[in-house]
Amino acid sequence: MLDRRTLLATGAALMAAPTFAARKGAEPTFPKDFFWGAATAPHQIEGNNVASDLWFLENQQPTVFAQPSGDACNSFELWEADLDIVKAMGLNAYRFGIEWARIEPEKGLFSQAMLDHYKAVIDGCRARDLTPIVTYSHFTAPRWFSAQGGWTNPESASFFARYCDKATRALGQGIDRVITFNEPNILLLLKPMLPPQVWDIQKLTLETAAKRLSVAKFVSANVAGFDDLPALQAGLAAAHKAGKAAIKSVRPDLPVGISLAMMDDQAVGKASIRDKMRKELYGQWLEIAKGDDFIGVQNYERALWGDKGRLPAPKGSTVNWSGTEVWPGSLGGAVRYAHEATGLPILVSEHGVGSDDDAIRAKFIPEALAGLKAAIDDGVPVLGYCHWSLLDNFEWIFGYKPKFGLVTVDPITFARTPKPSASVYGAIARRNAI
């Protein structure tokens, strides 16, 4: 049942959005063949990813995870229901991931049954006229891989390339484009934000896992010690290049890229450190991306940079579940910078807001999309937009508290219920216009 506040906010958002988009000489619609999608990640929705590194870390004490993922949204079983929701919403694309830990649960052991499962999901997308945009590594990896040092292991690139080869041979013909890695720069972004105690508990989590397995080092892509960051970044960079080469060797025409976590970085004052921070947060990855077919931009916020560091959000700002500013203009700003820095076509591979108040989301979507349309009108080539997320799901170390979904999921029955924001977004997608 919709409350009055949600209805008012939804209606106001739809009525107000055209005023944001009204630009001299601008076409009212988005480009032809624009991807309107929703995004998910396998570990966050499938459930019972028992051979993965993060499952191992979640189910121990001490751990940095607030709670284990458990059954998640049970999407390993209910993927057809998820695709039906995407289709019913009026979208034409679905960004999802294949789970390496399911496909290669033990080193060198590849599961034909799991490859067949993901082929069925891809075929299910095609049957519903949904374009499959597939992520090969969305943070998680097989437990055996991370127990060998993960991405800090000199052999990691060759392991990843072997997996990419197997996956592309089995699945590649049905995929529209591949994202090798989801946010390989995420820990760089969090480096100046997380307090020392969070890095300490991450380190303790990994040390505990290593002891349990009697190995020297256990490292995950989104759970790592502060001192591991340089080796981790070098390993991910090498793996992206090797993985892309493996994919292209099987299907040369398949577009491949990475997705980066990108804020809309804004300079405040003459001596702002914004450009320095951009170099630290994205510089290496933007250079690597120049050799790719597209770049995925994942944007959730802006950052105001003064001469000494990041400034607080303006007083009175709308905030998300964690107290961070909700600012719709950040999407357009991040997309413009990504294109300026790389010259590549942009896919908005994630964008959304974590909030229990869906009225915030319903208002936020059209306002943010108006800024994206303005960037397109100014010549930025944008392939499409994938909202994060289709479902309320497992949000990594924070567990199930943050709500990013267009759809709620009952944790007991797994019943899916679209929120009002799903109707707002779906109406835009159907019109291909705000």
Protein backbone atom coordinates (compact mmCIF):
# COMPACT_ATOMS: atom_id res chain seq x y z
CA MET A 1 0.00 0.00 0.00
CA LEU A 2 1.41 3.39 -0.99
CA ASP A 3 1.47 6.15 1.54
CA ARG A 4 0.53 9.71 0.62
CA ARG A 5 4.11 10.98 0.88
CA THR A 6 5.42 8.39 -1.59
CA LEU A 7 2.62 9.13 -4.07
CA LEU A 8 3.26 12.86 -3.87
CA ALA A 9 7.01 12.46 -4.29
CA THR A 10 6.59 10.08 -7.22
CA GLY A 11 4.20 12.39 -9.02
CA ALA A 12 6.31 15.47 -8.32
CA ALA A 13 9.44 13.75 -9.61
CA LEU A 14 7.83 12.83 -12.90
CA MET A 15 6.34 16.29 -13.38
CA ALA A 16 9.53 18.12 -12.45
CA ALA A 17 11.98 16.06 -14.49
CA PRO A 18 11.20 17.58 -17.93
CA THR A 19 12.22 20.99 -16.63
CA PHE A 20 15.68 19.58 -15.88
CA ALA A 21 15.92 18.10 -19.37
CA ALA A 22 14.66 21.08 -21.35
CA ARG A 23 17.76 22.21 -23.26
CA LYS A 24 17.86 24.31 -26.40
CA GLY A 25 18.02 22.07 -29.47
CA ALA A 26 17.97 18.88 -27.40
CA GLU A 27 16.03 15.85 -28.54
CA PRO A 28 13.40 14.91 -25.93
CA THR A 29 14.27 11.21 -26.15
CA PHE A 30 17.34 9.23 -25.23
CA PRO A 31 19.37 7.70 -28.09
CA LYS A 32 17.89 4.87 -30.13
CA ASP A 33 18.88 1.44 -28.77
CA PHE A 34 19.69 2.94 -25.35
CA PHE A 35 20.07 0.26 -22.69
CA TRP A 36 17.58 0.61 -19.86
CA GLY A 37 18.66 -1.95 -17.30
CA ALA A 38 18.76 -3.07 -13.71
CA ALA A 39 21.93 -4.45 -12.14
CA THR A 40 22.66 -7.29 -9.74
CA ALA A 41 25.69 -9.27 -8.55
CA PRO A 42 25.66 -13.05 -8.13
CA HIS A 43 26.94 -13.29 -4.55
CA GLN A 44 24.53 -10.59 -3.44
CA ILE A 45 21.38 -12.26 -4.76
CA GLU A 46 21.97 -15.95 -5.52
CA GLY A 47 22.54 -17.33 -2.03
CA ASN A 48 24.64 -20.20 -0.72
CA ASN A 49 27.76 -19.35 -2.69
CA VAL A 50 29.61 -21.81 -0.47
CA ALA A 51 32.82 -22.21 -2.50
CA SER A 52 33.55 -18.48 -2.55
CA ASP A 53 36.10 -16.53 -0.55
CA LEU A 54 33.54 -14.19 0.97
CA TRP A 55 31.29 -17.01 2.16
CA PHE A 56 34.29 -18.28 4.09
CA LEU A 57 34.96 -14.82 5.59
CA GLU A 58 31.29 -14.17 6.45
CA ASN A 59 30.95 -17.41 8.36
CA GLN A 60 33.72 -17.01 10.92
CA GLN A 61 34.48 -15.01 14.02
CA PRO A 62 35.96 -12.47 14.10
CA THR A 63 34.74 -11.03 10.79
CA VAL A 64 34.24 -7.61 9.27
CA PHE A 65 30.84 -8.74 7.93
CA ALA A 66 27.77 -7.67 9.90
CA GLN A 67 26.05 -10.95 8.96
CA PRO A 68 26.45 -13.82 6.49
CA SER A 69 24.79 -13.80 3.06
CA GLY A 70 22.96 -17.11 3.61
CA ASP A 71 20.15 -17.65 1.11
CA ALA A 72 20.37 -14.01 -0.07
CA CYS A 73 17.41 -13.51 -2.45
CA ASN A 74 17.49 -17.16 -3.55
CA SER A 75 18.01 -15.92 -7.11
CA PHE A 76 20.01 -19.00 -8.06
CA GLU A 77 16.61 -20.72 -8.03
CA LEU A 78 14.39 -17.73 -8.79
CA TRP A 79 16.31 -16.12 -11.66
CA GLU A 80 13.35 -16.52 -14.02
CA ALA A 81 11.14 -14.52 -11.65
CA ASP A 82 13.82 -11.80 -11.56
CA LEU A 83 13.96 -11.64 -15.36
CA ASP A 84 10.16 -11.47 -15.51
CA ILE A 85 10.25 -8.46 -13.18
CA VAL A 86 12.87 -6.71 -15.33
CA LYS A 87 10.74 -7.33 -18.43
CA ALA A 88 7.49 -6.28 -16.74
CA MET A 89 9.12 -3.06 -15.57
CA GLY A 90 9.62 -2.06 -19.20
CA LEU A 91 13.40 -2.43 -19.26
CA ASN A 92 15.41 -3.86 -22.16
CA ALA A 93 18.67 -4.89 -20.46
CA TYR A 94 19.87 -6.82 -17.44
CA ARG A 95 23.33 -6.55 -15.95
CA PHE A 96 24.19 -9.60 -13.87
CA GLY A 97 27.23 -11.65 -12.96
CA ILE A 98 28.46 -15.18 -13.37
CA GLU A 99 30.05 -16.65 -10.26
CA TRP A 100 33.61 -17.91 -10.69
CA ALA A 101 33.39 -19.87 -7.43
CA ARG A 102 30.49 -21.90 -8.81
CA ILE A 103 32.12 -22.42 -12.21
CA GLU A 104 35.54 -23.40 -10.80
CA PRO A 105 34.86 -24.44 -7.18
CA GLU A 106 38.22 -26.20 -6.90
CA LYS A 107 41.39 -25.28 -8.74
CA GLY A 108 41.19 -26.69 -12.26
CA LEU A 109 37.76 -28.27 -11.70
CA PHE A 110 35.20 -26.63 -14.00
CA SER A 111 31.50 -27.35 -13.56
CA GLN A 112 29.58 -27.94 -16.76
CA ALA A 113 26.34 -27.83 -14.76
CA MET A 114 27.11 -24.29 -13.56
CA LEU A 115 28.08 -23.13 -17.06
CA ASP A 116 24.77 -24.58 -18.27
CA HIS A 117 22.96 -22.70 -15.50
CA TYR A 118 24.38 -19.35 -16.58
CA LYS A 119 23.71 -20.17 -20.22
CA ALA A 120 20.07 -20.69 -19.27
CA VAL A 121 20.02 -17.23 -17.63
CA ILE A 122 21.52 -15.66 -20.76
CA ASP A 123 19.03 -17.51 -22.96
CA GLY A 124 16.27 -16.38 -20.60
CA CYS A 125 17.30 -12.78 -21.15
CA ARG A 126 17.25 -13.23 -24.91
CA ALA A 127 13.83 -14.90 -24.79
CA ARG A 128 12.49 -11.80 -23.02
CA ASP A 129 14.28 -9.34 -25.35
CA LEU A 130 16.59 -8.30 -22.52
CA THR A 131 20.19 -7.51 -23.48
CA PRO A 132 22.58 -9.53 -21.26
CA ILE A 133 25.44 -7.43 -19.87
CA VAL A 134 27.60 -9.88 -17.94
CA THR A 135 30.15 -9.28 -15.18
CA TYR A 136 32.83 -11.97 -14.90
CA SER A 137 34.12 -10.94 -11.46
CA HIS A 138 31.96 -8.94 -9.03
CA PHE A 139 34.38 -8.92 -6.06
CA THR A 140 34.04 -12.61 -5.17
CA ALA A 141 36.48 -15.34 -6.20
CA PRO A 142 36.84 -19.04 -5.40
CA ARG A 143 38.06 -19.75 -1.90
CA TRP A 144 41.05 -21.71 -3.26
CA PHE A 145 42.09 -18.64 -5.27
CA SER A 146 42.01 -16.18 -2.37
CA ALA A 147 43.76 -18.73 -0.13
CA GLN A 148 46.71 -18.50 -2.52
CA GLY A 149 46.97 -14.75 -1.97
CA GLY A 150 44.15 -13.75 -4.30
CA TRP A 151 45.02 -10.91 -6.65
CA THR A 152 48.38 -10.41 -4.90
CA ASN A 153 49.50 -13.81 -6.22
CA PRO A 154 51.72 -13.46 -9.33
CA GLU A 155 49.74 -16.31 -10.95
CA SER A 156 46.37 -14.61 -10.45
CA ALA A 157 46.19 -13.14 -13.96
CA SER A 158 46.72 -16.52 -15.60
CA PHE A 159 44.09 -18.15 -13.35
CA PHE A 160 41.60 -15.43 -14.27
CA ALA A 161 42.42 -15.68 -17.99
CA ARG A 162 41.80 -19.45 -17.89
CA TYR A 163 38.40 -18.86 -16.28
CA CYS A 164 37.55 -16.14 -18.83
CA ASP A 165 38.44 -18.51 -21.66
CA LYS A 166 36.22 -21.29 -20.30
CA ALA A 167 33.30 -18.94 -19.57
CA THR A 168 33.46 -17.24 -22.96
CA ARG A 169 33.61 -20.53 -24.86
CA ALA A 170 30.50 -21.72 -23.03
CA LEU A 171 28.54 -18.46 -22.81
CA GLY A 172 30.07 -15.87 -25.11
CA GLN A 173 27.75 -16.22 -28.09
CA GLY A 174 24.75 -15.02 -26.10
CA ILE A 175 26.42 -12.10 -24.27
CA ASP A 176 26.16 -8.52 -25.54
CA ARG A 177 29.11 -7.12 -23.59
CA VAL A 178 31.40 -8.12 -20.73
CA ILE A 179 32.57 -6.26 -17.65
CA THR A 180 35.69 -8.11 -16.47
CA PHE A 181 35.89 -6.52 -13.02
CA ASN A 182 33.39 -4.64 -10.93
CA GLU A 183 34.98 -1.61 -9.24
CA PRO A 184 38.60 -2.83 -9.04
CA ASN A 185 39.36 0.60 -7.54
CA ILE A 186 36.84 0.34 -4.68
CA LEU A 187 39.41 0.04 -1.89
CA LEU A 188 41.30 3.05 -3.28
CA LEU A 189 38.06 5.01 -3.03
CA LEU A 190 37.47 3.79 0.53
CA LYS A 191 41.10 4.29 1.60
CA PRO A 192 40.67 7.92 2.73
CA MET A 193 37.14 7.31 4.06
CA LEU A 194 37.41 4.22 6.27
CA PRO A 195 38.68 4.77 9.82
CA PRO A 196 41.77 2.79 10.94
CA GLN A 197 39.69 0.40 13.04
CA VAL A 198 37.85 -0.83 9.91
CA TRP A 199 41.15 -1.62 8.21
CA ASP A 200 42.23 -3.36 11.43
CA ILE A 201 39.16 -5.61 11.54
CA GLN A 202 39.58 -6.41 7.83
CA LYS A 203 43.16 -7.45 8.51
CA LEU A 204 42.07 -9.56 11.49
CA THR A 205 39.33 -11.18 9.36
CA LEU A 206 41.88 -12.19 6.73
CA GLU A 207 44.45 -13.39 9.27
CA THR A 208 41.76 -15.55 10.89
CA ALA A 209 40.82 -17.06 7.52
CA ALA A 210 44.46 -17.81 6.72
CA LYS A 211 44.90 -19.58 10.06
CA ARG A 212 41.75 -21.65 9.52
CA LEU A 213 43.13 -22.86 6.20
CA SER A 214 46.79 -23.07 7.34
CA VAL A 215 47.90 -20.78 4.50
CA ALA A 216 50.24 -17.80 4.47
CA LYS A 217 47.90 -15.23 3.00
CA PHE A 218 44.18 -14.85 2.28
CA VAL A 219 43.16 -11.76 0.29
CA SER A 220 39.86 -10.80 -1.36
CA ALA A 221 39.12 -8.08 -3.92
CA ASN A 222 36.96 -6.04 -1.55
CA VAL A 223 38.38 -7.23 1.79
CA ALA A 224 42.09 -6.59 2.02
CA GLY A 225 44.65 -5.19 4.41
CA PHE A 226 45.86 -1.60 3.93
CA ASP A 227 49.37 -2.85 3.12
CA ASP A 228 48.04 -5.17 0.41
CA LEU A 229 46.55 -2.39 -1.74
CA PRO A 230 49.52 -1.80 -4.11
CA ALA A 231 49.95 -5.52 -4.90
CA LEU A 232 46.18 -5.97 -5.13
CA GLN A 233 45.84 -3.14 -7.65
CA ALA A 234 48.75 -4.45 -9.73
CA GLY A 235 47.22 -7.94 -9.77
CA LEU A 236 43.78 -6.73 -10.80
CA ALA A 237 45.27 -4.59 -13.58
CA ALA A 238 47.25 -7.53 -14.97
CA ALA A 239 44.20 -9.81 -14.68
CA HIS A 240 41.96 -7.39 -16.56
CA LYS A 241 44.39 -7.28 -19.47
CA ALA A 242 44.87 -11.05 -19.48
CA GLY A 243 41.16 -11.71 -19.09
CA LYS A 244 40.23 -9.35 -21.90
CA ALA A 245 42.79 -11.01 -24.19
CA ALA A 246 41.32 -14.44 -23.37
CA ILE A 247 37.78 -13.24 -24.09
CA LYS A 248 38.80 -11.60 -27.37
CA SER A 249 40.67 -14.73 -28.47
CA VAL A 250 37.37 -16.63 -28.30
CA ARG A 251 35.06 -13.90 -29.58
CA PRO A 252 36.96 -10.91 -31.03
CA ASP A 253 33.80 -8.87 -31.61
CA LEU A 254 32.57 -9.04 -27.99
CA PRO A 255 32.89 -5.60 -26.36
CA VAL A 256 34.88 -5.73 -23.12
CA GLY A 257 35.44 -3.12 -20.41
CA ILE A 258 35.73 -2.52 -16.68
CA SER A 259 33.43 -0.66 -14.31
CA LEU A 260 34.92 1.94 -11.99
CA ALA A 261 33.55 3.39 -8.77
CA MET A 262 33.52 7.11 -9.55
CA MET A 263 32.34 10.06 -7.52
CA ASP A 264 31.50 13.41 -9.05
CA ASP A 265 34.63 15.14 -7.77
CA GLN A 266 34.18 18.90 -7.42
CA ALA A 267 36.86 21.47 -6.66
CA VAL A 268 36.16 23.98 -3.88
CA GLY A 269 38.55 26.93 -3.65
CA LYS A 270 41.69 27.79 -5.60
CA ALA A 271 43.98 25.25 -3.93
CA SER A 272 41.58 22.28 -4.16
CA ILE A 273 43.19 18.82 -4.12
CA ARG A 274 40.50 17.46 -6.47
CA ASP A 275 42.83 16.71 -9.39
CA LYS A 276 45.33 15.00 -7.09
CA MET A 277 42.55 12.83 -5.67
CA ARG A 278 41.22 11.96 -9.12
CA LYS A 279 44.65 10.69 -10.04
CA GLU A 280 44.83 8.56 -6.88
CA LEU A 281 41.30 7.17 -7.13
CA TYR A 282 40.98 6.50 -10.85
CA GLY A 283 44.15 7.50 -12.71
CA GLN A 284 45.71 4.08 -13.32
CA TRP A 285 42.38 2.52 -14.23
CA LEU A 286 41.37 5.30 -16.62
CA GLU A 287 44.66 4.77 -18.45
CA ILE A 288 44.06 1.02 -18.64
CA ALA A 289 40.49 1.60 -19.83
CA LYS A 290 41.68 3.57 -22.85
CA GLY A 291 42.44 0.25 -24.51
CA ASP A 292 38.92 -1.11 -23.89
CA ASP A 293 35.69 -0.92 -25.89
CA PHE A 294 33.72 1.02 -23.26
CA ILE A 295 33.94 1.99 -19.61
CA GLY A 296 31.37 1.32 -16.91
CA VAL A 297 30.70 4.20 -14.53
CA GLN A 298 29.31 3.42 -11.08
CA ASN A 299 28.26 6.57 -9.32
CA TYR A 300 26.49 7.15 -6.01
CA GLU A 301 27.71 10.48 -4.71
CA ARG A 302 29.71 13.63 -5.24
CA ALA A 303 32.83 14.65 -3.34
CA LEU A 304 33.63 18.27 -2.52
CA TRP A 305 37.42 18.65 -2.30
CA GLY A 306 38.98 21.60 -0.49
CA ASP A 307 42.67 22.34 -0.06
CA LYS A 308 43.16 19.79 2.74
CA GLY A 309 40.65 17.04 2.08
CA ARG A 310 37.02 16.19 1.51
CA LEU A 311 34.50 18.72 2.78
CA PRO A 312 31.21 17.83 4.47
CA ALA A 313 27.99 17.96 2.49
CA PRO A 314 25.99 21.19 2.68
CA LYS A 315 23.77 21.46 5.75
CA GLY A 316 20.21 20.32 5.21
CA SER A 317 21.12 17.88 2.42
CA THR A 318 18.97 14.83 1.78
CA VAL A 319 20.98 11.85 3.00
CA ASN A 320 21.04 8.10 2.42
CA TRP A 321 21.05 5.25 4.94
CA SER A 322 24.65 6.00 5.99
CA GLY A 323 24.26 9.77 6.26
CA THR A 324 25.93 10.52 2.91
CA GLU A 325 24.47 13.26 0.72
CA VAL A 326 22.00 12.26 -2.00
CA TRP A 327 22.76 14.58 -4.92
CA PRO A 328 21.23 13.70 -8.32
CA GLY A 329 23.67 15.86 -10.28
CA SER A 330 26.58 13.55 -9.44
CA LEU A 331 25.74 11.09 -12.23
CA GLY A 332 26.11 13.60 -15.05
CA GLY A 333 29.34 14.94 -13.57
CA ALA A 334 30.96 11.51 -13.20
CA VAL A 335 29.96 10.45 -16.70
CA ARG A 336 31.34 13.63 -18.26
CA TYR A 337 34.69 13.18 -16.52
CA ALA A 338 34.99 9.48 -17.43
CA HIS A 339 34.49 10.28 -21.10
CA GLU A 340 36.78 13.30 -20.99
CA ALA A 341 39.55 11.19 -19.42
CA THR A 342 39.24 8.15 -21.72
CA GLY A 343 37.41 9.16 -24.91
CA LEU A 344 35.35 5.98 -24.51
CA PRO A 345 31.62 5.30 -24.75
CA ILE A 346 30.09 5.19 -21.27
CA LEU A 347 27.82 2.55 -19.77
CA VAL A 348 26.28 3.59 -16.46
CA SER A 349 26.72 0.14 -14.95
CA GLU A 350 25.50 1.15 -11.47
CA HIS A 351 23.74 4.14 -10.00
CA GLY A 352 21.24 4.35 -7.19
CA VAL A 353 20.54 5.33 -3.62
CA GLY A 354 20.48 3.27 -0.43
CA SER A 355 17.47 4.31 1.59
CA ASP A 356 14.51 2.81 3.41
CA ASP A 357 12.50 5.77 2.11
CA ASP A 358 11.50 4.89 -1.45
CA ALA A 359 10.15 8.40 -1.98
CA ILE A 360 13.78 9.58 -2.02
CA ARG A 361 14.59 7.02 -4.74
CA ALA A 362 11.48 7.85 -6.78
CA LYS A 363 12.44 11.54 -6.82
CA PHE A 364 16.14 10.86 -7.32
CA ILE A 365 15.91 8.69 -10.47
CA PRO A 366 14.34 11.19 -12.90
CA GLU A 367 16.43 14.07 -11.57
CA ALA A 368 19.66 12.10 -12.04
CA LEU A 369 18.60 10.88 -15.48
CA ALA A 370 17.93 14.48 -16.51
CA GLY A 371 21.58 15.24 -15.75
CA LEU A 372 22.64 12.19 -17.74
CA LYS A 373 20.50 13.33 -20.70
CA ALA A 374 22.13 16.77 -20.53
CA ALA A 375 25.55 15.11 -20.83
CA ILE A 376 24.32 13.12 -23.85
CA ASP A 377 22.98 16.32 -25.41
CA ASP A 378 26.44 17.83 -24.95
CA GLY A 379 27.99 15.00 -26.95
CA VAL A 380 28.95 12.38 -24.37
CA PRO A 381 28.33 8.92 -25.89
CA VAL A 382 26.30 7.00 -23.30
CA LEU A 383 25.31 3.44 -24.17
CA GLY A 384 22.83 2.92 -21.38
CA TYR A 385 21.88 3.06 -17.73
CA CYS A 386 21.66 0.15 -15.25
CA HIS A 387 20.06 1.02 -11.94
CA TRP A 388 21.47 -0.50 -8.76
CA SER A 389 19.80 -2.57 -7.78
CA LEU A 390 16.95 -4.69 -9.04
CA LEU A 391 16.50 -6.23 -5.58
CA ASP A 392 17.13 -5.32 -1.99
CA ASN A 393 20.07 -7.65 -1.38
CA PHE A 394 23.20 -8.53 0.56
CA GLU A 395 25.31 -5.37 0.70
CA TRP A 396 28.68 -6.89 1.55
CA ILE A 397 30.12 -6.02 4.99
CA PHE A 398 26.93 -4.13 5.88
CA GLY A 399 24.71 -7.18 5.46
CA TYR A 400 21.04 -6.64 4.67
CA LYS A 401 20.59 -3.24 6.29
CA PRO A 402 21.09 -0.96 3.25
CA LYS A 403 18.14 -0.97 0.84
CA PHE A 404 19.10 -0.15 -2.76
CA GLY A 405 16.44 -2.19 -4.56
CA LEU A 406 13.64 -1.24 -6.88
CA VAL A 407 12.03 -4.40 -5.50
CA THR A 408 11.74 -5.67 -1.92
CA VAL A 409 12.44 -9.31 -1.10
CA ASP A 410 10.87 -11.17 1.81
CA PRO A 411 13.76 -12.95 3.61
CA ILE A 412 11.57 -15.96 4.46
CA THR A 413 9.32 -16.50 1.43
CA PHE A 414 11.54 -14.65 -1.09
CA ALA A 415 8.42 -12.96 -2.45
CA ARG A 416 9.33 -9.99 -4.66
CA THR A 417 7.35 -6.75 -4.42
CA PRO A 418 8.15 -3.81 -6.73
CA LYS A 419 8.37 -0.42 -5.03
CA PRO A 420 6.85 2.81 -6.43
CA SER A 421 10.30 3.79 -7.70
CA ALA A 422 10.20 0.78 -10.04
CA SER A 423 7.14 2.30 -11.73
CA VAL A 424 8.86 5.68 -11.99
CA TYR A 425 11.93 4.18 -13.60
CA GLY A 426 9.93 1.82 -15.80
CA ALA A 427 7.80 4.67 -17.17
CA ILE A 428 10.95 6.52 -18.23
CA ALA A 429 12.38 3.41 -19.88
CA ARG A 430 9.17 2.71 -21.81
CA ARG A 431 9.08 6.27 -23.16
CA ASN A 432 12.85 6.38 -23.69
CA ALA A 433 12.42 9.87 -22.31
CA ILE A 434 12.05 11.60 -18.97
